[in-house]
Amino acid sequence: AAAEAAIGAPVELDEATLRAALDPAACAAARLQIGSSSQAAMEAMLAGLAATLAANESWSEAAQERESSAEAALLARARELL
């Protein structure tokens, strides 16, 4: 009735079509564009995030090493001046 009022014609759906349309997993799997919720898109996004995280962890470790080295050099210079 609502469809007929909205578009002027009845809409008929069989039970299988309606069940498929209401199945969240099927809906997610049907979304194939980049950034969608399909399994392939999610796996690609997670792989990209893992690579970004690894790069950031590597940068952070190197930054910590540079900070420690700079602190050690600063303390050594301070001892020289005393």
PDB file of N, CA and C in Angstrom:
ATOM      1  N   ALA A   1       0.832  -1.194   0.000  1.00  0.00           N
ATOM      2  CA  ALA A   1       0.000   0.000   0.000  1.00  0.00           C
ATOM      3  C   ALA A   1       0.876   1.258   0.000  1.00  0.00           C
ATOM      4  N   ALA A   2       1.928   1.259   0.783  1.00  0.00           N
ATOM      5  CA  ALA A   2       2.794   2.437   0.842  1.00  0.00           C
ATOM      6  C   ALA A   2       3.495   2.660  -0.489  1.00  0.00           C
ATOM      7  N   ALA A   3       3.959   1.579  -1.113  1.00  0.00           N
ATOM      8  CA  ALA A   3       4.627   1.711  -2.408  1.00  0.00           C
ATOM      9  C   ALA A   3       3.656   2.235  -3.454  1.00  0.00           C
ATOM     10  N   GLU A   4       2.442   1.736  -3.429  1.00  0.00           N
ATOM     11  CA  GLU A   4       1.449   2.177  -4.407  1.00  0.00           C
ATOM     12  C   GLU A   4       1.137   3.660  -4.200  1.00  0.00           C
ATOM     13  N   ALA A   5       1.072   4.086  -2.955  1.00  0.00           N
ATOM     14  CA  ALA A   5       0.811   5.497  -2.673  1.00  0.00           C
ATOM     15  C   ALA A   5       1.994   6.364  -3.105  1.00  0.00           C
ATOM     16  N   ALA A   6       3.210   5.849  -2.948  1.00  0.00           N
ATOM     17  CA  ALA A   6       4.401   6.634  -3.270  1.00  0.00           C
ATOM     18  C   ALA A   6       4.704   6.668  -4.762  1.00  0.00           C
ATOM     19  N   ILE A   7       4.570   5.522  -5.436  1.00  0.00           N
ATOM     20  CA  ILE A   7       4.966   5.482  -6.846  1.00  0.00           C
ATOM     21  C   ILE A   7       3.815   5.190  -7.799  1.00  0.00           C
ATOM     22  N   GLY A   8       2.622   4.980  -7.237  1.00  0.00           N
ATOM     23  CA  GLY A   8       1.461   4.767  -8.087  1.00  0.00           C
ATOM     24  C   GLY A   8       1.319   3.363  -8.636  1.00  0.00           C
ATOM     25  N   ALA A   9       2.093   2.428  -8.129  1.00  0.00           N
ATOM     26  CA  ALA A   9       1.994   1.049  -8.593  1.00  0.00           C
ATOM     27  C   ALA A   9       2.384   0.127  -7.450  1.00  0.00           C
ATOM     28  N   PRO A  10       1.801  -1.043  -7.410  1.00  0.00           N
ATOM     29  CA  PRO A  10       2.182  -1.977  -6.345  1.00  0.00           C
ATOM     30  C   PRO A  10       3.585  -2.551  -6.600  1.00  0.00           C
ATOM     31  N   VAL A  11       4.267  -2.879  -5.528  1.00  0.00           N
ATOM     32  CA  VAL A  11       5.588  -3.515  -5.612  1.00  0.00           C
ATOM     33  C   VAL A  11       5.436  -4.918  -5.053  1.00  0.00           C
ATOM     34  N   GLU A  12       5.830  -5.886  -5.855  1.00  0.00           N
ATOM     35  CA  GLU A  12       5.712  -7.271  -5.412  1.00  0.00           C
ATOM     36  C   GLU A  12       7.108  -7.859  -5.238  1.00  0.00           C
ATOM     37  N   LEU A  13       7.335  -8.410  -4.068  1.00  0.00           N
ATOM     38  CA  LEU A  13       8.601  -9.079  -3.766  1.00  0.00           C
ATOM     39  C   LEU A  13       8.298 -10.477  -3.275  1.00  0.00           C
ATOM     40  N   ASP A  14       9.023 -11.458  -3.813  1.00  0.00           N
ATOM     41  CA  ASP A  14       8.858 -12.796  -3.267  1.00  0.00           C
ATOM     42  C   ASP A  14       9.680 -12.896  -1.989  1.00  0.00           C
ATOM     43  N   GLU A  15       9.395 -13.910  -1.206  1.00  0.00           N
ATOM     44  CA  GLU A  15      10.036 -14.050   0.103  1.00  0.00           C
ATOM     45  C   GLU A  15      11.558 -14.163  -0.009  1.00  0.00           C
ATOM     46  N   ALA A  16      12.061 -14.897  -0.987  1.00  0.00           N
ATOM     47  CA  ALA A  16      13.509 -15.077  -1.148  1.00  0.00           C
ATOM     48  C   ALA A  16      14.198 -13.744  -1.444  1.00  0.00           C
ATOM     49  N   THR A  17      13.590 -12.927  -2.286  1.00  0.00           N
ATOM     50  CA  THR A  17      14.173 -11.621  -2.610  1.00  0.00           C
ATOM     51  C   THR A  17      14.190 -10.722  -1.377  1.00  0.00           C
ATOM     52  N   LEU A  18      13.094 -10.747  -0.620  1.00  0.00           N
ATOM     53  CA  LEU A  18      13.024  -9.933   0.591  1.00  0.00           C
ATOM     54  C   LEU A  18      14.043 -10.404   1.622  1.00  0.00           C
ATOM     55  N   ARG A  19      14.166 -11.718   1.800  1.00  0.00           N
ATOM     56  CA  ARG A  19      15.159 -12.248   2.759  1.00  0.00           C
ATOM     57  C   ARG A  19      16.584 -11.857   2.342  1.00  0.00           C
ATOM     58  N   ALA A  20      16.882 -11.951   1.062  1.00  0.00           N
ATOM     59  CA  ALA A  20      18.214 -11.577   0.572  1.00  0.00           C
ATOM     60  C   ALA A  20      18.484 -10.099   0.799  1.00  0.00           C
ATOM     61  N   ALA A  21      17.459  -9.264   0.604  1.00  0.00           N
ATOM     62  CA  ALA A  21      17.629  -7.820   0.795  1.00  0.00           C
ATOM     63  C   ALA A  21      17.836  -7.462   2.259  1.00  0.00           C
ATOM     64  N   LEU A  22      17.331  -8.283   3.158  1.00  0.00           N
ATOM     65  CA  LEU A  22      17.444  -8.013   4.591  1.00  0.00           C
ATOM     66  C   LEU A  22      18.599  -8.746   5.259  1.00  0.00           C
ATOM     67  N   ASP A  23      19.392  -9.501   4.489  1.00  0.00           N
ATOM     68  CA  ASP A  23      20.523 -10.258   5.027  1.00  0.00           C
ATOM     69  C   ASP A  23      21.754  -9.357   5.096  1.00  0.00           C
ATOM     70  N   PRO A  24      22.196  -8.967   6.310  1.00  0.00           N
ATOM     71  CA  PRO A  24      23.332  -8.047   6.428  1.00  0.00           C
ATOM     72  C   PRO A  24      24.609  -8.566   5.777  1.00  0.00           C
ATOM     73  N   ALA A  25      24.896  -9.847   5.914  1.00  0.00           N
ATOM     74  CA  ALA A  25      26.121 -10.409   5.327  1.00  0.00           C
ATOM     75  C   ALA A  25      26.058 -10.349   3.806  1.00  0.00           C
ATOM     76  N   ALA A  26      24.905 -10.651   3.243  1.00  0.00           N
ATOM     77  CA  ALA A  26      24.753 -10.591   1.786  1.00  0.00           C
ATOM     78  C   ALA A  26      24.872  -9.152   1.291  1.00  0.00           C
ATOM     79  N   CYS A  27      24.302  -8.229   2.033  1.00  0.00           N
ATOM     80  CA  CYS A  27      24.395  -6.814   1.649  1.00  0.00           C
ATOM     81  C   CYS A  27      25.846  -6.344   1.680  1.00  0.00           C
ATOM     82  N   ALA A  28      26.584  -6.725   2.724  1.00  0.00           N
ATOM     83  CA  ALA A  28      27.996  -6.329   2.821  1.00  0.00           C
ATOM     84  C   ALA A  28      28.804  -6.941   1.690  1.00  0.00           C
ATOM     85  N   ALA A  29      28.559  -8.215   1.387  1.00  0.00           N
ATOM     86  CA  ALA A  29      29.309  -8.899   0.325  1.00  0.00           C
ATOM     87  C   ALA A  29      29.030  -8.294  -1.047  1.00  0.00           C
ATOM     88  N   ALA A  30      27.849  -7.734  -1.217  1.00  0.00           N
ATOM     89  CA  ALA A  30      27.484  -7.154  -2.516  1.00  0.00           C
ATOM     90  C   ALA A  30      28.124  -5.793  -2.752  1.00  0.00           C
ATOM     91  N   ARG A  31      28.660  -5.186  -1.725  1.00  0.00           N
ATOM     92  CA  ARG A  31      29.291  -3.867  -1.859  1.00  0.00           C
ATOM     93  C   ARG A  31      30.735  -4.061  -2.288  1.00  0.00           C
ATOM     94  N   LEU A  32      31.016  -3.866  -3.550  1.00  0.00           N
ATOM     95  CA  LEU A  32      32.330  -4.191  -4.102  1.00  0.00           C
ATOM     96  C   LEU A  32      33.227  -2.985  -4.314  1.00  0.00           C
ATOM     97  N   GLN A  33      32.754  -1.783  -4.086  1.00  0.00           N
ATOM     98  CA  GLN A  33      33.573  -0.604  -4.322  1.00  0.00           C
ATOM     99  C   GLN A  33      34.637  -0.441  -3.221  1.00  0.00           C
ATOM    100  N   ILE A  34      35.664   0.324  -3.517  1.00  0.00           N
ATOM    101  CA  ILE A  34      36.730   0.596  -2.548  1.00  0.00           C
ATOM    102  C   ILE A  34      36.122   1.308  -1.349  1.00  0.00           C
ATOM    103  N   GLY A  35      36.513   0.881  -0.168  1.00  0.00           N
ATOM    104  CA  GLY A  35      36.010   1.495   1.045  1.00  0.00           C
ATOM    105  C   GLY A  35      34.683   0.948   1.509  1.00  0.00           C
ATOM    106  N   SER A  36      34.205  -0.103   0.862  1.00  0.00           N
ATOM    107  CA  SER A  36      32.917  -0.667   1.244  1.00  0.00           C
ATOM    108  C   SER A  36      33.091  -1.607   2.432  1.00  0.00           C
ATOM    109  N   SER A  37      32.013  -2.250   2.802  1.00  0.00           N
ATOM    110  CA  SER A  37      32.059  -3.190   3.920  1.00  0.00           C
ATOM    111  C   SER A  37      32.202  -4.637   3.469  1.00  0.00           C
ATOM    112  N   SER A  38      32.534  -4.851   2.191  1.00  0.00           N
ATOM    113  CA  SER A  38      32.726  -6.231   1.730  1.00  0.00           C
ATOM    114  C   SER A  38      33.978  -6.815   2.374  1.00  0.00           C
ATOM    115  N   GLN A  39      34.041  -8.126   2.418  1.00  0.00           N
ATOM    116  CA  GLN A  39      35.194  -8.779   3.051  1.00  0.00           C
ATOM    117  C   GLN A  39      36.499  -8.391   2.358  1.00  0.00           C
ATOM    118  N   ALA A  40      36.504  -8.372   1.035  1.00  0.00           N
ATOM    119  CA  ALA A  40      37.726  -8.033   0.302  1.00  0.00           C
ATOM    120  C   ALA A  40      38.153  -6.592   0.589  1.00  0.00           C
ATOM    121  N   ALA A  41      37.191  -5.675   0.614  1.00  0.00           N
ATOM    122  CA  ALA A  41      37.528  -4.275   0.890  1.00  0.00           C
ATOM    123  C   ALA A  41      38.030  -4.113   2.317  1.00  0.00           C
ATOM    124  N   MET A  42      37.412  -4.808   3.267  1.00  0.00           N
ATOM    125  CA  MET A  42      37.850  -4.726   4.664  1.00  0.00           C
ATOM    126  C   MET A  42      39.254  -5.309   4.821  1.00  0.00           C
ATOM    127  N   GLU A  43      39.529  -6.438   4.150  1.00  0.00           N
ATOM    128  CA  GLU A  43      40.867  -7.043   4.230  1.00  0.00           C
ATOM    129  C   GLU A  43      41.913  -6.102   3.650  1.00  0.00           C
ATOM    130  N   ALA A  44      41.599  -5.454   2.541  1.00  0.00           N
ATOM    131  CA  ALA A  44      42.538  -4.513   1.931  1.00  0.00           C
ATOM    132  C   ALA A  44      42.778  -3.328   2.856  1.00  0.00           C
ATOM    133  N   MET A  45      41.701  -2.810   3.465  1.00  0.00           N
ATOM    134  CA  MET A  45      41.846  -1.677   4.373  1.00  0.00           C
ATOM    135  C   MET A  45      42.683  -2.071   5.594  1.00  0.00           C
ATOM    136  N   LEU A  46      42.415  -3.245   6.150  1.00  0.00           N
ATOM    137  CA  LEU A  46      43.162  -3.692   7.330  1.00  0.00           C
ATOM    138  C   LEU A  46      44.623  -3.945   7.000  1.00  0.00           C
ATOM    139  N   ALA A  47      44.905  -4.458   5.804  1.00  0.00           N
ATOM    140  CA  ALA A  47      46.295  -4.663   5.392  1.00  0.00           C
ATOM    141  C   ALA A  47      46.996  -3.314   5.271  1.00  0.00           C
ATOM    142  N   GLY A  48      46.315  -2.338   4.717  1.00  0.00           N
ATOM    143  CA  GLY A  48      46.889  -0.998   4.608  1.00  0.00           C
ATOM    144  C   GLY A  48      47.145  -0.391   5.977  1.00  0.00           C
ATOM    145  N   LEU A  49      46.208  -0.589   6.894  1.00  0.00           N
ATOM    146  CA  LEU A  49      46.387  -0.072   8.256  1.00  0.00           C
ATOM    147  C   LEU A  49      47.544  -0.764   8.963  1.00  0.00           C
ATOM    148  N   ALA A  50      47.688  -2.066   8.737  1.00  0.00           N
ATOM    149  CA  ALA A  50      48.794  -2.805   9.347  1.00  0.00           C
ATOM    150  C   ALA A  50      50.129  -2.282   8.835  1.00  0.00           C
ATOM    151  N   ALA A  51      50.204  -2.000   7.545  1.00  0.00           N
ATOM    152  CA  ALA A  51      51.442  -1.467   6.973  1.00  0.00           C
ATOM    153  C   ALA A  51      51.734  -0.074   7.521  1.00  0.00           C
ATOM    154  N   THR A  52      50.713   0.753   7.638  1.00  0.00           N
ATOM    155  CA  THR A  52      50.886   2.100   8.195  1.00  0.00           C
ATOM    156  C   THR A  52      51.325   2.023   9.642  1.00  0.00           C
ATOM    157  N   LEU A  53      50.704   1.141  10.412  1.00  0.00           N
ATOM    158  CA  LEU A  53      51.074   0.976  11.814  1.00  0.00           C
ATOM    159  C   LEU A  53      52.521   0.520  11.946  1.00  0.00           C
ATOM    160  N   ALA A  54      52.936  -0.421  11.124  1.00  0.00           N
ATOM    161  CA  ALA A  54      54.319  -0.904  11.172  1.00  0.00           C
ATOM    162  C   ALA A  54      55.293   0.224  10.850  1.00  0.00           C
ATOM    163  N   ALA A  55      54.970   1.032   9.850  1.00  0.00           N
ATOM    164  CA  ALA A  55      55.841   2.150   9.495  1.00  0.00           C
ATOM    165  C   ALA A  55      55.899   3.165  10.630  1.00  0.00           C
ATOM    166  N   ASN A  56      54.761   3.431  11.251  1.00  0.00           N
ATOM    167  CA  ASN A  56      54.742   4.386  12.360  1.00  0.00           C
ATOM    168  C   ASN A  56      55.482   3.861  13.578  1.00  0.00           C
ATOM    169  N   GLU A  57      55.368   2.563  13.842  1.00  0.00           N
ATOM    170  CA  GLU A  57      56.111   1.970  14.954  1.00  0.00           C
ATOM    171  C   GLU A  57      57.612   2.073  14.704  1.00  0.00           C
ATOM    172  N   SER A  58      58.019   1.828  13.465  1.00  0.00           N
ATOM    173  CA  SER A  58      59.428   1.925  13.108  1.00  0.00           C
ATOM    174  C   SER A  58      59.928   3.355  13.291  1.00  0.00           C
ATOM    175  N   TRP A  59      59.138   4.323  12.834  1.00  0.00           N
ATOM    176  CA  TRP A  59      59.516   5.724  12.985  1.00  0.00           C
ATOM    177  C   TRP A  59      59.608   6.083  14.467  1.00  0.00           C
ATOM    178  N   SER A  60      58.652   5.617  15.261  1.00  0.00           N
ATOM    179  CA  SER A  60      58.633   5.921  16.690  1.00  0.00           C
ATOM    180  C   SER A  60      59.864   5.353  17.390  1.00  0.00           C
ATOM    181  N   GLU A  61      60.230   4.106  17.051  1.00  0.00           N
ATOM    182  CA  GLU A  61      61.426   3.503  17.650  1.00  0.00           C
ATOM    183  C   GLU A  61      62.674   4.303  17.289  1.00  0.00           C
ATOM    184  N   ALA A  62      62.784   4.707  16.029  1.00  0.00           N
ATOM    185  CA  ALA A  62      63.947   5.495  15.599  1.00  0.00           C
ATOM    186  C   ALA A  62      63.959   6.847  16.307  1.00  0.00           C
ATOM    187  N   ALA A  63      62.796   7.461  16.481  1.00  0.00           N
ATOM    188  CA  ALA A  63      62.713   8.751  17.164  1.00  0.00           C
ATOM    189  C   ALA A  63      63.130   8.600  18.624  1.00  0.00           C
ATOM    190  N   GLN A  64      62.715   7.511  19.263  1.00  0.00           N
ATOM    191  CA  GLN A  64      63.116   7.270  20.651  1.00  0.00           C
ATOM    192  C   GLN A  64      64.624   7.080  20.761  1.00  0.00           C
ATOM    193  N   GLU A  65      65.202   6.383  19.797  1.00  0.00           N
ATOM    194  CA  GLU A  65      66.655   6.200  19.802  1.00  0.00           C
ATOM    195  C   GLU A  65      67.373   7.545  19.621  1.00  0.00           C
ATOM    196  N   ARG A  66      66.859   8.388  18.701  1.00  0.00           N
ATOM    197  CA  ARG A  66      67.458   9.714  18.502  1.00  0.00           C
ATOM    198  C   ARG A  66      67.335  10.562  19.766  1.00  0.00           C
ATOM    199  N   GLU A  67      66.199  10.471  20.440  1.00  0.00           N
ATOM    200  CA  GLU A  67      65.989  11.239  21.665  1.00  0.00           C
ATOM    201  C   GLU A  67      66.949  10.779  22.750  1.00  0.00           C
ATOM    202  N   SER A  68      67.097   9.473  22.897  1.00  0.00           N
ATOM    203  CA  SER A  68      68.016   8.933  23.908  1.00  0.00           C
ATOM    204  C   SER A  68      69.446   9.347  23.618  1.00  0.00           C
ATOM    205  N   SER A  69      69.824   9.291  22.355  1.00  0.00           N
ATOM    206  CA  SER A  69      71.176   9.691  21.958  1.00  0.00           C
ATOM    207  C   SER A  69      71.406  11.175  22.221  1.00  0.00           C
ATOM    208  N   ALA A  70      70.420  11.991  21.891  1.00  0.00           N
ATOM    209  CA  ALA A  70      70.555  13.433  22.122  1.00  0.00           C
ATOM    210  C   ALA A  70      70.636  13.735  23.611  1.00  0.00           C
ATOM    211  N   GLU A  71      69.835  13.025  24.412  1.00  0.00           N
ATOM    212  CA  GLU A  71      69.883  13.244  25.862  1.00  0.00           C
ATOM    213  C   GLU A  71      71.240  12.844  26.428  1.00  0.00           C
ATOM    214  N   ALA A  72      71.761  11.714  25.965  1.00  0.00           N
ATOM    215  CA  ALA A  72      73.071  11.263  26.441  1.00  0.00           C
ATOM    216  C   ALA A  72      74.153  12.269  26.056  1.00  0.00           C
ATOM    217  N   ALA A  73      74.092  12.790  24.837  1.00  0.00           N
ATOM    218  CA  ALA A  73      75.080  13.780  24.400  1.00  0.00           C
ATOM    219  C   ALA A  73      74.955  15.057  25.226  1.00  0.00           C
ATOM    220  N   LEU A  74      73.734  15.481  25.509  1.00  0.00           N
ATOM    221  CA  LEU A  74      73.524  16.685  26.305  1.00  0.00           C
ATOM    222  C   LEU A  74      74.060  16.504  27.720  1.00  0.00           C
ATOM    223  N   LEU A  75      73.789  15.362  28.331  1.00  0.00           N
ATOM    224  CA  LEU A  75      74.300  15.107  29.686  1.00  0.00           C
ATOM    225  C   LEU A  75      75.820  15.018  29.703  1.00  0.00           C
ATOM    226  N   ALA A  76      76.386  14.402  28.668  1.00  0.00           N
ATOM    227  CA  ALA A  76      77.859  14.316  28.601  1.00  0.00           C
ATOM    228  C   ALA A  76      78.454  15.698  28.470  1.00  0.00           C
ATOM    229  N   ARG A  77      77.861  16.546  27.653  1.00  0.00           N
ATOM    230  CA  ARG A  77      78.367  17.913  27.497  1.00  0.00           C
ATOM    231  C   ARG A  77      78.219  18.702  28.796  1.00  0.00           C
ATOM    232  N   ALA A  78      77.101  18.496  29.509  1.00  0.00           N
ATOM    233  CA  ALA A  78      76.893  19.187  30.790  1.00  0.00           C
ATOM    234  C   ALA A  78      77.953  18.763  31.786  1.00  0.00           C
ATOM    235  N   ARG A  79      78.305  17.490  31.813  1.00  0.00           N
ATOM    236  CA  ARG A  79      79.363  17.017  32.731  1.00  0.00           C
ATOM    237  C   ARG A  79      80.709  17.650  32.371  1.00  0.00           C
ATOM    238  N   GLU A  80      80.962  17.814  31.073  1.00  0.00           N
ATOM    239  CA  GLU A  80      82.218  18.438  30.637  1.00  0.00           C
ATOM    240  C   GLU A  80      82.315  19.876  31.140  1.00  0.00           C
ATOM    241  N   LEU A  81      81.202  20.553  31.162  1.00  0.00           N
ATOM    242  CA  LEU A  81      81.194  21.967  31.539  1.00  0.00           C
ATOM    243  C   LEU A  81      81.282  22.153  33.039  1.00  0.00           C
ATOM    244  N   LEU A  82      81.002  21.122  33.817  1.00  0.00           N
ATOM    245  CA  LEU A  82      81.064  21.239  35.270  1.00  0.00           C
ATOM    246  C   LEU A  82      82.449  21.012  35.700  1.00  0.00           C
TER     247      LEU A  82
END
